[in-house]
């Protein structure tokens, strides 16, 4: 009886989460040959500032041997942030902004819009 837990940042709509749950359910049924009644999907929202402690360290870094899809670029990003303090625990505003910028660049967001580094 597969139970899939998706951990994600807050902000996705109920429609997006329902579509994802439907797609996961369909794929579990097609690939593993379970009936729809056997599949459950949960969504757990985790704040970005809690991601390292609540998801990355215990579920990703602590279980690399169990991951079938590894977040290669994200691992380097989270390691960088963990070493340089998380955004909420940073010593000062500048450190928080630069940690956020590094994270945003890794995610492919446009760094030019970042207020401390705008050109």
PDB file of N, CA and C in Angstrom:
ATOM      1  N   UNK A   1       0.832  -1.171   0.000  1.00  0.00           N
ATOM      2  CA  UNK A   1       0.000   0.000   0.000  1.00  0.00           C
ATOM      3  C   UNK A   1       0.883   1.243   0.000  1.00  0.00           C
ATOM      4  N   UNK A   2       1.209   1.770  -1.145  1.00  0.00           N
ATOM      5  CA  UNK A   2       2.099   2.935  -1.187  1.00  0.00           C
ATOM      6  C   UNK A   2       1.472   4.188  -0.567  1.00  0.00           C
ATOM      7  N   UNK A   3       2.258   4.836   0.269  1.00  0.00           N
ATOM      8  CA  UNK A   3       1.897   6.142   0.830  1.00  0.00           C
ATOM      9  C   UNK A   3       3.042   7.081   0.482  1.00  0.00           C
ATOM     10  N   UNK A   4       2.756   8.125  -0.257  1.00  0.00           N
ATOM     11  CA  UNK A   4       3.766   9.065  -0.717  1.00  0.00           C
ATOM     12  C   UNK A   4       3.594  10.370   0.037  1.00  0.00           C
ATOM     13  N   UNK A   5       4.698  10.862   0.617  1.00  0.00           N
ATOM     14  CA  UNK A   5       4.684  12.149   1.310  1.00  0.00           C
ATOM     15  C   UNK A   5       5.510  13.127   0.496  1.00  0.00           C
ATOM     16  N   UNK A   6       4.893  14.222   0.097  1.00  0.00           N
ATOM     17  CA  UNK A   6       5.572  15.273  -0.645  1.00  0.00           C
ATOM     18  C   UNK A   6       5.797  16.431   0.315  1.00  0.00           C
ATOM     19  N   UNK A   7       7.063  16.783   0.527  1.00  0.00           N
ATOM     20  CA  UNK A   7       7.392  17.925   1.369  1.00  0.00           C
ATOM     21  C   UNK A   7       7.754  19.076   0.447  1.00  0.00           C
ATOM     22  N   UNK A   8       7.118  20.204   0.652  1.00  0.00           N
ATOM     23  CA  UNK A   8       7.316  21.340  -0.222  1.00  0.00           C
ATOM     24  C   UNK A   8       7.161  22.640   0.545  1.00  0.00           C
ATOM     25  N   UNK A   9       7.681  23.709  -0.056  1.00  0.00           N
ATOM     26  CA  UNK A   9       7.532  25.022   0.553  1.00  0.00           C
ATOM     27  C   UNK A   9       6.078  25.466   0.454  1.00  0.00           C
ATOM     28  N   UNK A  10       5.612  26.270   1.384  1.00  0.00           N
ATOM     29  CA  UNK A  10       4.258  26.826   1.307  1.00  0.00           C
ATOM     30  C   UNK A  10       4.105  27.713   0.070  1.00  0.00           C
ATOM     31  N   UNK A  11       2.871  27.866  -0.365  1.00  0.00           N
ATOM     32  CA  UNK A  11       2.607  28.796  -1.451  1.00  0.00           C
ATOM     33  C   UNK A  11       1.970  28.174  -2.676  1.00  0.00           C
ATOM     34  N   UNK A  12       1.964  26.866  -2.757  1.00  0.00           N
ATOM     35  CA  UNK A  12       1.314  26.227  -3.902  1.00  0.00           C
ATOM     36  C   UNK A  12      -0.189  26.181  -3.640  1.00  0.00           C
ATOM     37  N   UNK A  13      -0.968  26.339  -4.701  1.00  0.00           N
ATOM     38  CA  UNK A  13      -2.424  26.353  -4.560  1.00  0.00           C
ATOM     39  C   UNK A  13      -2.953  24.939  -4.292  1.00  0.00           C
ATOM     40  N   UNK A  14      -4.176  24.888  -3.795  1.00  0.00           N
ATOM     41  CA  UNK A  14      -4.823  23.586  -3.587  1.00  0.00           C
ATOM     42  C   UNK A  14      -4.975  22.869  -4.923  1.00  0.00           C
ATOM     43  N   UNK A  15      -5.250  23.618  -5.982  1.00  0.00           N
ATOM     44  CA  UNK A  15      -5.372  23.017  -7.308  1.00  0.00           C
ATOM     45  C   UNK A  15      -4.050  22.367  -7.730  1.00  0.00           C
ATOM     46  N   UNK A  16      -2.931  23.053  -7.506  1.00  0.00           N
ATOM     47  CA  UNK A  16      -1.629  22.482  -7.858  1.00  0.00           C
ATOM     48  C   UNK A  16      -1.345  21.225  -7.043  1.00  0.00           C
ATOM     49  N   UNK A  17      -1.635  21.275  -5.749  1.00  0.00           N
ATOM     50  CA  UNK A  17      -1.383  20.106  -4.904  1.00  0.00           C
ATOM     51  C   UNK A  17      -2.286  18.932  -5.292  1.00  0.00           C
ATOM     52  N   UNK A  18      -3.542  19.220  -5.626  1.00  0.00           N
ATOM     53  CA  UNK A  18      -4.446  18.156  -6.075  1.00  0.00           C
ATOM     54  C   UNK A  18      -3.976  17.549  -7.386  1.00  0.00           C
ATOM     55  N   UNK A  19      -3.531  18.386  -8.321  1.00  0.00           N
ATOM     56  CA  UNK A  19      -3.014  17.877  -9.603  1.00  0.00           C
ATOM     57  C   UNK A  19      -1.788  16.997  -9.384  1.00  0.00           C
ATOM     58  N   UNK A  20      -0.904  17.421  -8.484  1.00  0.00           N
ATOM     59  CA  UNK A  20       0.283  16.621  -8.194  1.00  0.00           C
ATOM     60  C   UNK A  20      -0.111  15.286  -7.568  1.00  0.00           C
ATOM     61  N   UNK A  21      -1.035  15.316  -6.612  1.00  0.00           N
ATOM     62  CA  UNK A  21      -1.483  14.075  -5.967  1.00  0.00           C
ATOM     63  C   UNK A  21      -2.119  13.132  -6.990  1.00  0.00           C
ATOM     64  N   UNK A  22      -2.892  13.678  -7.923  1.00  0.00           N
ATOM     65  CA  UNK A  22      -3.509  12.851  -8.967  1.00  0.00           C
ATOM     66  C   UNK A  22      -2.443  12.235  -9.876  1.00  0.00           C
ATOM     67  N   UNK A  23      -1.430  13.035 -10.243  1.00  0.00           N
ATOM     68  CA  UNK A  23      -0.366  12.525 -11.119  1.00  0.00           C
ATOM     69  C   UNK A  23       0.454  11.447 -10.416  1.00  0.00           C
ATOM     70  N   UNK A  24       0.754  11.665  -9.146  1.00  0.00           N
ATOM     71  CA  UNK A  24       1.503  10.658  -8.383  1.00  0.00           C
ATOM     72  C   UNK A  24       0.682   9.370  -8.281  1.00  0.00           C
ATOM     73  N   UNK A  25      -0.603   9.509  -7.962  1.00  0.00           N
ATOM     74  CA  UNK A  25      -1.478   8.341  -7.841  1.00  0.00           C
ATOM     75  C   UNK A  25      -1.536   7.565  -9.153  1.00  0.00           C
ATOM     76  N   UNK A  26      -1.721   8.280 -10.257  1.00  0.00           N
ATOM     77  CA  UNK A  26      -1.781   7.624 -11.570  1.00  0.00           C
ATOM     78  C   UNK A  26      -0.481   6.878 -11.868  1.00  0.00           C
ATOM     79  N   UNK A  27       0.650   7.494 -11.583  1.00  0.00           N
ATOM     80  CA  UNK A  27       1.937   6.844 -11.857  1.00  0.00           C
ATOM     81  C   UNK A  27       2.167   5.637 -10.961  1.00  0.00           C
ATOM     82  N   UNK A  28       1.785   5.724  -9.702  1.00  0.00           N
ATOM     83  CA  UNK A  28       1.915   4.569  -8.804  1.00  0.00           C
ATOM     84  C   UNK A  28       1.055   3.420  -9.330  1.00  0.00           C
ATOM     85  N   UNK A  29      -0.154   3.745  -9.757  1.00  0.00           N
ATOM     86  CA  UNK A  29      -1.042   2.708 -10.288  1.00  0.00           C
ATOM     87  C   UNK A  29      -0.468   2.087 -11.557  1.00  0.00           C
ATOM     88  N   UNK A  30       0.001   2.923 -12.485  1.00  0.00           N
ATOM     89  CA  UNK A  30       0.518   2.435 -13.769  1.00  0.00           C
ATOM     90  C   UNK A  30       1.813   1.635 -13.618  1.00  0.00           C
ATOM     91  N   UNK A  31       2.709   2.126 -12.785  1.00  0.00           N
ATOM     92  CA  UNK A  31       4.041   1.518 -12.689  1.00  0.00           C
ATOM     93  C   UNK A  31       4.080   0.346 -11.714  1.00  0.00           C
ATOM     94  N   UNK A  32       3.431   0.504 -10.573  1.00  0.00           N
ATOM     95  CA  UNK A  32       3.499  -0.539  -9.539  1.00  0.00           C
ATOM     96  C   UNK A  32       2.284  -1.466  -9.533  1.00  0.00           C
ATOM     97  N   UNK A  33       1.286  -1.159 -10.354  1.00  0.00           N
ATOM     98  CA  UNK A  33       0.092  -2.001 -10.509  1.00  0.00           C
ATOM     99  C   UNK A  33      -0.709  -2.147  -9.217  1.00  0.00           C
ATOM    100  N   UNK A  34      -0.906  -1.020  -8.536  1.00  0.00           N
ATOM    101  CA  UNK A  34      -1.806  -0.985  -7.385  1.00  0.00           C
ATOM    102  C   UNK A  34      -3.100  -0.329  -7.827  1.00  0.00           C
ATOM    103  N   UNK A  35      -4.186  -0.659  -7.146  1.00  0.00           N
ATOM    104  CA  UNK A  35      -5.455   0.002  -7.403  1.00  0.00           C
ATOM    105  C   UNK A  35      -5.472   1.366  -6.731  1.00  0.00           C
ATOM    106  N   UNK A  36      -6.325   2.243  -7.243  1.00  0.00           N
ATOM    107  CA  UNK A  36      -6.407   3.605  -6.700  1.00  0.00           C
ATOM    108  C   UNK A  36      -6.722   3.603  -5.203  1.00  0.00           C
ATOM    109  N   UNK A  37      -7.507   2.616  -4.775  1.00  0.00           N
ATOM    110  CA  UNK A  37      -7.888   2.537  -3.357  1.00  0.00           C
ATOM    111  C   UNK A  37      -6.700   2.236  -2.435  1.00  0.00           C
ATOM    112  N   UNK A  38      -5.596   1.789  -3.015  1.00  0.00           N
ATOM    113  CA  UNK A  38      -4.418   1.421  -2.224  1.00  0.00           C
ATOM    114  C   UNK A  38      -3.404   2.548  -2.069  1.00  0.00           C
ATOM    115  N   UNK A  39      -3.576   3.628  -2.825  1.00  0.00           N
ATOM    116  CA  UNK A  39      -2.579   4.700  -2.869  1.00  0.00           C
ATOM    117  C   UNK A  39      -3.043   5.879  -2.043  1.00  0.00           C
ATOM    118  N   UNK A  40      -2.136   6.430  -1.242  1.00  0.00           N
ATOM    119  CA  UNK A  40      -2.417   7.678  -0.527  1.00  0.00           C
ATOM    120  C   UNK A  40      -1.253   8.635  -0.738  1.00  0.00           C
ATOM    121  N   UNK A  41      -1.593   9.923  -0.803  1.00  0.00           N
ATOM    122  CA  UNK A  41      -0.598  10.958  -1.038  1.00  0.00           C
ATOM    123  C   UNK A  41      -0.844  12.082  -0.044  1.00  0.00           C
ATOM    124  N   UNK A  42       0.218  12.489   0.654  1.00  0.00           N
ATOM    125  CA  UNK A  42       0.126  13.585   1.621  1.00  0.00           C
ATOM    126  C   UNK A  42       1.048  14.718   1.188  1.00  0.00           C
ATOM    127  N   UNK A  43       0.664  15.937   1.514  1.00  0.00           N
ATOM    128  CA  UNK A  43       1.493  17.114   1.257  1.00  0.00           C
ATOM    129  C   UNK A  43       1.846  17.721   2.612  1.00  0.00           C
ATOM    130  N   UNK A  44       3.126  17.941   2.822  1.00  0.00           N
ATOM    131  CA  UNK A  44       3.590  18.547   4.065  1.00  0.00           C
ATOM    132  C   UNK A  44       4.357  19.823   3.717  1.00  0.00           C
ATOM    133  N   UNK A  45       3.796  20.958   4.080  1.00  0.00           N
ATOM    134  CA  UNK A  45       4.455  22.230   3.802  1.00  0.00           C
ATOM    135  C   UNK A  45       5.488  22.527   4.888  1.00  0.00           C
ATOM    136  N   UNK A  46       6.679  22.901   4.437  1.00  0.00           N
ATOM    137  CA  UNK A  46       7.787  23.214   5.341  1.00  0.00           C
ATOM    138  C   UNK A  46       8.330  24.581   4.942  1.00  0.00           C
ATOM    139  N   UNK A  47       8.419  25.474   5.904  1.00  0.00           N
ATOM    140  CA  UNK A  47       8.920  26.826   5.625  1.00  0.00           C
ATOM    141  C   UNK A  47      10.376  26.763   5.161  1.00  0.00           C
ATOM    142  N   UNK A  48      10.760  27.660   4.236  1.00  0.00           N
ATOM    143  CA  UNK A  48      12.137  27.650   3.730  1.00  0.00           C
ATOM    144  C   UNK A  48      13.192  27.687   4.831  1.00  0.00           C
ATOM    145  N   UNK A  49      12.965  28.480   5.870  1.00  0.00           N
ATOM    146  CA  UNK A  49      13.958  28.585   6.936  1.00  0.00           C
ATOM    147  C   UNK A  49      14.030  27.327   7.804  1.00  0.00           C
ATOM    148  N   UNK A  50      13.045  26.434   7.669  1.00  0.00           N
ATOM    149  CA  UNK A  50      13.047  25.168   8.416  1.00  0.00           C
ATOM    150  C   UNK A  50      13.498  23.987   7.557  1.00  0.00           C
ATOM    151  N   UNK A  51      13.679  24.214   6.258  1.00  0.00           N
ATOM    152  CA  UNK A  51      13.937  23.125   5.310  1.00  0.00           C
ATOM    153  C   UNK A  51      15.186  22.326   5.655  1.00  0.00           C
ATOM    154  N   UNK A  52      16.259  22.990   6.006  1.00  0.00           N
ATOM    155  CA  UNK A  52      17.515  22.281   6.283  1.00  0.00           C
ATOM    156  C   UNK A  52      17.352  21.317   7.444  1.00  0.00           C
ATOM    157  N   UNK A  53      16.801  21.805   8.557  1.00  0.00           N
ATOM    158  CA  UNK A  53      16.668  20.969   9.756  1.00  0.00           C
ATOM    159  C   UNK A  53      15.564  19.926   9.657  1.00  0.00           C
ATOM    160  N   UNK A  54      14.440  20.288   9.023  1.00  0.00           N
ATOM    161  CA  UNK A  54      13.281  19.387   9.016  1.00  0.00           C
ATOM    162  C   UNK A  54      13.204  18.457   7.809  1.00  0.00           C
ATOM    163  N   UNK A  55      13.904  18.810   6.720  1.00  0.00           N
ATOM    164  CA  UNK A  55      13.817  17.973   5.525  1.00  0.00           C
ATOM    165  C   UNK A  55      15.203  17.557   5.038  1.00  0.00           C
ATOM    166  N   UNK A  56      16.046  18.527   4.740  1.00  0.00           N
ATOM    167  CA  UNK A  56      17.329  18.194   4.112  1.00  0.00           C
ATOM    168  C   UNK A  56      18.186  17.274   4.974  1.00  0.00           C
ATOM    169  N   UNK A  57      18.438  17.652   6.210  1.00  0.00           N
ATOM    170  CA  UNK A  57      19.318  16.818   7.048  1.00  0.00           C
ATOM    171  C   UNK A  57      18.731  15.437   7.326  1.00  0.00           C
ATOM    172  N   UNK A  58      17.470  15.340   7.804  1.00  0.00           N
ATOM    173  CA  UNK A  58      16.976  13.989   8.128  1.00  0.00           C
ATOM    174  C   UNK A  58      16.550  13.153   6.922  1.00  0.00           C
ATOM    175  N   UNK A  59      15.920  13.777   5.916  1.00  0.00           N
ATOM    176  CA  UNK A  59      15.329  12.999   4.828  1.00  0.00           C
ATOM    177  C   UNK A  59      16.221  12.873   3.600  1.00  0.00           C
ATOM    178  N   UNK A  60      17.054  13.862   3.347  1.00  0.00           N
ATOM    179  CA  UNK A  60      17.879  13.841   2.141  1.00  0.00           C
ATOM    180  C   UNK A  60      19.313  13.460   2.483  1.00  0.00           C
ATOM    181  N   UNK A  61      19.993  14.323   3.210  1.00  0.00           N
ATOM    182  CA  UNK A  61      21.396  14.065   3.542  1.00  0.00           C
ATOM    183  C   UNK A  61      21.547  12.782   4.352  1.00  0.00           C
ATOM    184  N   UNK A  62      20.612  12.546   5.260  1.00  0.00           N
ATOM    185  CA  UNK A  62      20.682  11.365   6.112  1.00  0.00           C
ATOM    186  C   UNK A  62      20.235  10.076   5.445  1.00  0.00           C
ATOM    187  N   UNK A  63      19.738  10.152   4.218  1.00  0.00           N
ATOM    188  CA  UNK A  63      19.216   8.961   3.536  1.00  0.00           C
ATOM    189  C   UNK A  63      19.588   8.913   2.062  1.00  0.00           C
ATOM    190  N   UNK A  64      20.761   9.374   1.719  1.00  0.00           N
ATOM    191  CA  UNK A  64      21.158   9.401   0.311  1.00  0.00           C
ATOM    192  C   UNK A  64      21.085   8.029  -0.341  1.00  0.00           C
ATOM    193  N   UNK A  65      21.333   6.980   0.426  1.00  0.00           N
ATOM    194  CA  UNK A  65      21.293   5.621  -0.126  1.00  0.00           C
ATOM    195  C   UNK A  65      19.872   5.169  -0.474  1.00  0.00           C
ATOM    196  N   UNK A  66      18.852   5.847   0.061  1.00  0.00           N
ATOM    197  CA  UNK A  66      17.463   5.485  -0.208  1.00  0.00           C
ATOM    198  C   UNK A  66      16.814   6.350  -1.281  1.00  0.00           C
ATOM    199  N   UNK A  67      17.480   7.428  -1.673  1.00  0.00           N
ATOM    200  CA  UNK A  67      16.891   8.338  -2.649  1.00  0.00           C
ATOM    201  C   UNK A  67      17.024   7.782  -4.063  1.00  0.00           C
ATOM    202  N   UNK A  68      15.934   7.760  -4.795  1.00  0.00           N
ATOM    203  CA  UNK A  68      15.964   7.349  -6.197  1.00  0.00           C
ATOM    204  C   UNK A  68      16.095   8.550  -7.111  1.00  0.00           C
ATOM    205  N   UNK A  69      15.799   9.723  -6.601  1.00  0.00           N
ATOM    206  CA  UNK A  69      16.011  10.982  -7.313  1.00  0.00           C
ATOM    207  C   UNK A  69      16.708  11.910  -6.331  1.00  0.00           C
ATOM    208  N   UNK A  70      17.980  12.170  -6.587  1.00  0.00           N
ATOM    209  CA  UNK A  70      18.788  13.006  -5.704  1.00  0.00           C
ATOM    210  C   UNK A  70      18.812  14.450  -6.210  1.00  0.00           C
ATOM    211  N   UNK A  71      18.667  15.415  -5.299  1.00  0.00           N
ATOM    212  CA  UNK A  71      18.698  16.833  -5.681  1.00  0.00           C
ATOM    213  C   UNK A  71      20.138  17.336  -5.731  1.00  0.00           C
ATOM    214  N   UNK A  72      20.892  16.951  -6.748  1.00  0.00           N
ATOM    215  CA  UNK A  72      22.325  17.242  -6.791  1.00  0.00           C
ATOM    216  C   UNK A  72      22.662  18.706  -6.596  1.00  0.00           C
ATOM    217  N   UNK A  73      22.053  19.611  -7.338  1.00  0.00           N
ATOM    218  CA  UNK A  73      22.402  21.023  -7.175  1.00  0.00           C
ATOM    219  C   UNK A  73      21.872  21.572  -5.866  1.00  0.00           C
ATOM    220  N   UNK A  74      20.739  21.070  -5.405  1.00  0.00           N
ATOM    221  CA  UNK A  74      20.174  21.558  -4.147  1.00  0.00           C
ATOM    222  C   UNK A  74      21.057  21.169  -2.971  1.00  0.00           C
ATOM    223  N   UNK A  75      21.677  19.998  -3.029  1.00  0.00           N
ATOM    224  CA  UNK A  75      22.523  19.564  -1.923  1.00  0.00           C
ATOM    225  C   UNK A  75      23.643  20.565  -1.692  1.00  0.00           C
ATOM    226  N   UNK A  76      24.274  21.035  -2.755  1.00  0.00           N
ATOM    227  CA  UNK A  76      25.342  22.023  -2.602  1.00  0.00           C
ATOM    228  C   UNK A  76      24.797  23.324  -2.034  1.00  0.00           C
ATOM    229  N   UNK A  77      23.611  23.713  -2.473  1.00  0.00           N
ATOM    230  CA  UNK A  77      23.002  24.947  -1.977  1.00  0.00           C
ATOM    231  C   UNK A  77      22.720  24.833  -0.489  1.00  0.00           C
ATOM    232  N   UNK A  78      22.094  23.738  -0.068  1.00  0.00           N
ATOM    233  CA  UNK A  78      21.766  23.592   1.342  1.00  0.00           C
ATOM    234  C   UNK A  78      23.021  23.455   2.194  1.00  0.00           C
ATOM    235  N   UNK A  79      24.042  22.784   1.679  1.00  0.00           N
ATOM    236  CA  UNK A  79      25.304  22.711   2.413  1.00  0.00           C
ATOM    237  C   UNK A  79      25.894  24.099   2.594  1.00  0.00           C
ATOM    238  N   UNK A  80      25.841  24.925   1.544  1.00  0.00           N
ATOM    239  CA  UNK A  80      26.351  26.299   1.629  1.00  0.00           C
ATOM    240  C   UNK A  80      25.597  27.083   2.697  1.00  0.00           C
ATOM    241  N   UNK A  81      24.269  27.015   2.652  1.00  0.00           N
ATOM    242  CA  UNK A  81      23.463  27.770   3.614  1.00  0.00           C
ATOM    243  C   UNK A  81      23.705  27.263   5.026  1.00  0.00           C
ATOM    244  N   UNK A  82      23.784  25.943   5.201  1.00  0.00           N
ATOM    245  CA  UNK A  82      24.010  25.387   6.532  1.00  0.00           C
ATOM    246  C   UNK A  82      25.344  25.850   7.094  1.00  0.00           C
ATOM    247  N   UNK A  83      26.367  25.908   6.258  1.00  0.00           N
ATOM    248  CA  UNK A  83      27.682  26.347   6.722  1.00  0.00           C
ATOM    249  C   UNK A  83      27.711  27.836   7.022  1.00  0.00           C
ATOM    250  N   UNK A  84      26.898  28.599   6.330  1.00  0.00           N
ATOM    251  CA  UNK A  84      26.908  30.046   6.479  1.00  0.00           C
ATOM    252  C   UNK A  84      25.688  30.556   7.226  1.00  0.00           C
ATOM    253  N   UNK A  85      25.102  29.704   8.028  1.00  0.00           N
ATOM    254  CA  UNK A  85      23.924  29.973   8.837  1.00  0.00           C
ATOM    255  C   UNK A  85      22.689  30.102   7.971  1.00  0.00           C
ATOM    256  N   UNK A  86      21.580  29.612   8.491  1.00  0.00           N
ATOM    257  CA  UNK A  86      20.360  29.713   7.705  1.00  0.00           C
ATOM    258  C   UNK A  86      19.883  31.163   7.691  1.00  0.00           C
ATOM    259  N   UNK A  87      18.972  31.473   6.796  1.00  0.00           N
ATOM    260  CA  UNK A  87      18.545  32.855   6.590  1.00  0.00           C
ATOM    261  C   UNK A  87      17.959  33.467   7.853  1.00  0.00           C
ATOM    262  N   UNK A  88      17.208  32.713   8.612  1.00  0.00           N
ATOM    263  CA  UNK A  88      16.577  33.263   9.802  1.00  0.00           C
ATOM    264  C   UNK A  88      17.588  33.437  10.935  1.00  0.00           C
ATOM    265  N   UNK A  89      18.576  32.551  11.013  1.00  0.00           N
ATOM    266  CA  UNK A  89      19.527  32.598  12.112  1.00  0.00           C
ATOM    267  C   UNK A  89      20.778  33.398  11.820  1.00  0.00           C
ATOM    268  N   UNK A  90      20.817  34.068  10.692  1.00  0.00           N
ATOM    269  CA  UNK A  90      22.012  34.817  10.332  1.00  0.00           C
ATOM    270  C   UNK A  90      22.280  35.958  11.314  1.00  0.00           C
ATOM    271  N   UNK A  91      23.572  36.311  11.456  1.00  0.00           N
ATOM    272  CA  UNK A  91      23.969  37.360  12.395  1.00  0.00           C
ATOM    273  C   UNK A  91      23.378  38.713  12.026  1.00  0.00           C
ATOM    274  N   UNK A  92      23.337  39.007  10.757  1.00  0.00           N
ATOM    275  CA  UNK A  92      22.869  40.329  10.359  1.00  0.00           C
ATOM    276  C   UNK A  92      22.117  40.252   9.040  1.00  0.00           C
ATOM    277  N   UNK A  93      21.482  41.358   8.698  1.00  0.00           N
ATOM    278  CA  UNK A  93      20.670  41.433   7.484  1.00  0.00           C
ATOM    279  C   UNK A  93      21.479  41.122   6.233  1.00  0.00           C
ATOM    280  N   UNK A  94      22.700  41.591   6.154  1.00  0.00           N
ATOM    281  CA  UNK A  94      23.529  41.362   4.969  1.00  0.00           C
ATOM    282  C   UNK A  94      23.772  39.883   4.756  1.00  0.00           C
ATOM    283  N   UNK A  95      24.082  39.151   5.821  1.00  0.00           N
ATOM    284  CA  UNK A  95      24.323  37.708   5.703  1.00  0.00           C
ATOM    285  C   UNK A  95      23.064  37.004   5.224  1.00  0.00           C
ATOM    286  N   UNK A  96      21.898  37.395   5.758  1.00  0.00           N
ATOM    287  CA  UNK A  96      20.638  36.797   5.332  1.00  0.00           C
ATOM    288  C   UNK A  96      20.391  37.059   3.851  1.00  0.00           C
ATOM    289  N   UNK A  97      20.631  38.299   3.416  1.00  0.00           N
ATOM    290  CA  UNK A  97      20.395  38.641   2.013  1.00  0.00           C
ATOM    291  C   UNK A  97      21.301  37.844   1.107  1.00  0.00           C
ATOM    292  N   UNK A  98      22.570  37.688   1.480  1.00  0.00           N
ATOM    293  CA  UNK A  98      23.493  36.958   0.620  1.00  0.00           C
ATOM    294  C   UNK A  98      23.219  35.459   0.620  1.00  0.00           C
ATOM    295  N   UNK A  99      22.789  34.917   1.743  1.00  0.00           N
ATOM    296  CA  UNK A  99      22.391  33.501   1.767  1.00  0.00           C
ATOM    297  C   UNK A  99      21.180  33.309   0.861  1.00  0.00           C
ATOM    298  N   UNK A 100      20.230  34.241   0.938  1.00  0.00           N
ATOM    299  CA  UNK A 100      19.042  34.176   0.088  1.00  0.00           C
ATOM    300  C   UNK A 100      19.430  34.284  -1.382  1.00  0.00           C
ATOM    301  N   UNK A 101      20.350  35.184  -1.689  1.00  0.00           N
ATOM    302  CA  UNK A 101      20.790  35.364  -3.061  1.00  0.00           C
ATOM    303  C   UNK A 101      21.421  34.080  -3.599  1.00  0.00           C
ATOM    304  N   UNK A 102      22.304  33.476  -2.822  1.00  0.00           N
ATOM    305  CA  UNK A 102      22.947  32.235  -3.267  1.00  0.00           C
ATOM    306  C   UNK A 102      21.894  31.170  -3.517  1.00  0.00           C
ATOM    307  N   UNK A 103      20.911  31.093  -2.638  1.00  0.00           N
ATOM    308  CA  UNK A 103      19.845  30.116  -2.788  1.00  0.00           C
ATOM    309  C   UNK A 103      19.027  30.413  -4.045  1.00  0.00           C
ATOM    310  N   UNK A 104      18.712  31.700  -4.266  1.00  0.00           N
ATOM    311  CA  UNK A 104      17.921  32.091  -5.427  1.00  0.00           C
ATOM    312  C   UNK A 104      18.656  31.795  -6.724  1.00  0.00           C
ATOM    313  N   UNK A 105      19.952  32.062  -6.757  1.00  0.00           N
ATOM    314  CA  UNK A 105      20.737  31.797  -7.962  1.00  0.00           C
ATOM    315  C   UNK A 105      20.733  30.307  -8.260  1.00  0.00           C
ATOM    316  N   UNK A 106      20.885  29.476  -7.241  1.00  0.00           N
ATOM    317  CA  UNK A 106      20.875  28.024  -7.447  1.00  0.00           C
ATOM    318  C   UNK A 106      19.537  27.557  -7.998  1.00  0.00           C
ATOM    319  N   UNK A 107      18.462  28.235  -7.592  1.00  0.00           N
ATOM    320  CA  UNK A 107      17.142  27.848  -8.068  1.00  0.00           C
ATOM    321  C   UNK A 107      16.826  28.436  -9.435  1.00  0.00           C
ATOM    322  N   UNK A 108      17.740  29.256  -9.967  1.00  0.00           N
ATOM    323  CA  UNK A 108      17.533  29.819 -11.286  1.00  0.00           C
ATOM    324  C   UNK A 108      16.716  31.091 -11.275  1.00  0.00           C
ATOM    325  N   UNK A 109      16.501  31.656 -10.109  1.00  0.00           N
ATOM    326  CA  UNK A 109      15.770  32.910 -10.041  1.00  0.00           C
ATOM    327  C   UNK A 109      16.690  34.038 -10.489  1.00  0.00           C
ATOM    328  N   UNK A 110      16.120  35.137 -10.892  1.00  0.00           N
ATOM    329  CA  UNK A 110      16.899  36.251 -11.407  1.00  0.00           C
ATOM    330  C   UNK A 110      17.519  37.021 -10.259  1.00  0.00           C
ATOM    331  N   UNK A 111      18.855  36.970 -10.178  1.00  0.00           N
ATOM    332  CA  UNK A 111      19.565  37.614  -9.082  1.00  0.00           C
ATOM    333  C   UNK A 111      19.531  39.130  -9.199  1.00  0.00           C
ATOM    334  N   UNK A 112      19.368  39.669 -10.424  1.00  0.00           N
ATOM    335  CA  UNK A 112      19.388  41.122 -10.597  1.00  0.00           C
ATOM    336  C   UNK A 112      18.275  41.800  -9.818  1.00  0.00           C
ATOM    337  N   UNK A 113      17.206  41.089  -9.510  1.00  0.00           N
ATOM    338  CA  UNK A 113      16.105  41.700  -8.774  1.00  0.00           C
ATOM    339  C   UNK A 113      16.393  41.778  -7.277  1.00  0.00           C
ATOM    340  N   UNK A 114      17.455  41.159  -6.847  1.00  0.00           N
ATOM    341  CA  UNK A 114      17.814  41.152  -5.435  1.00  0.00           C
ATOM    342  C   UNK A 114      18.324  42.527  -5.040  1.00  0.00           C
ATOM    343  N   UNK A 115      17.736  43.136  -4.005  1.00  0.00           N
ATOM    344  CA  UNK A 115      18.001  44.535  -3.706  1.00  0.00           C
ATOM    345  C   UNK A 115      19.444  44.836  -3.321  1.00  0.00           C
ATOM    346  N   UNK A 116      20.162  43.920  -2.701  1.00  0.00           N
ATOM    347  CA  UNK A 116      21.529  44.236  -2.296  1.00  0.00           C
ATOM    348  C   UNK A 116      22.519  44.047  -3.427  1.00  0.00           C
ATOM    349  N   UNK A 117      22.099  43.383  -4.499  1.00  0.00           N
ATOM    350  CA  UNK A 117      23.039  43.057  -5.571  1.00  0.00           C
ATOM    351  C   UNK A 117      22.553  43.569  -6.926  1.00  0.00           C
ATOM    352  N   UNK A 118      21.485  44.353  -6.933  1.00  0.00           N
ATOM    353  CA  UNK A 118      20.949  44.840  -8.204  1.00  0.00           C
ATOM    354  C   UNK A 118      21.959  45.720  -8.901  1.00  0.00           C
ATOM    355  N   UNK A 119      22.032  45.598 -10.233  1.00  0.00           N
ATOM    356  CA  UNK A 119      23.004  46.400 -10.960  1.00  0.00           C
ATOM    357  C   UNK A 119      22.395  47.675 -11.492  1.00  0.00           C
TER     358      UNK A 119
END
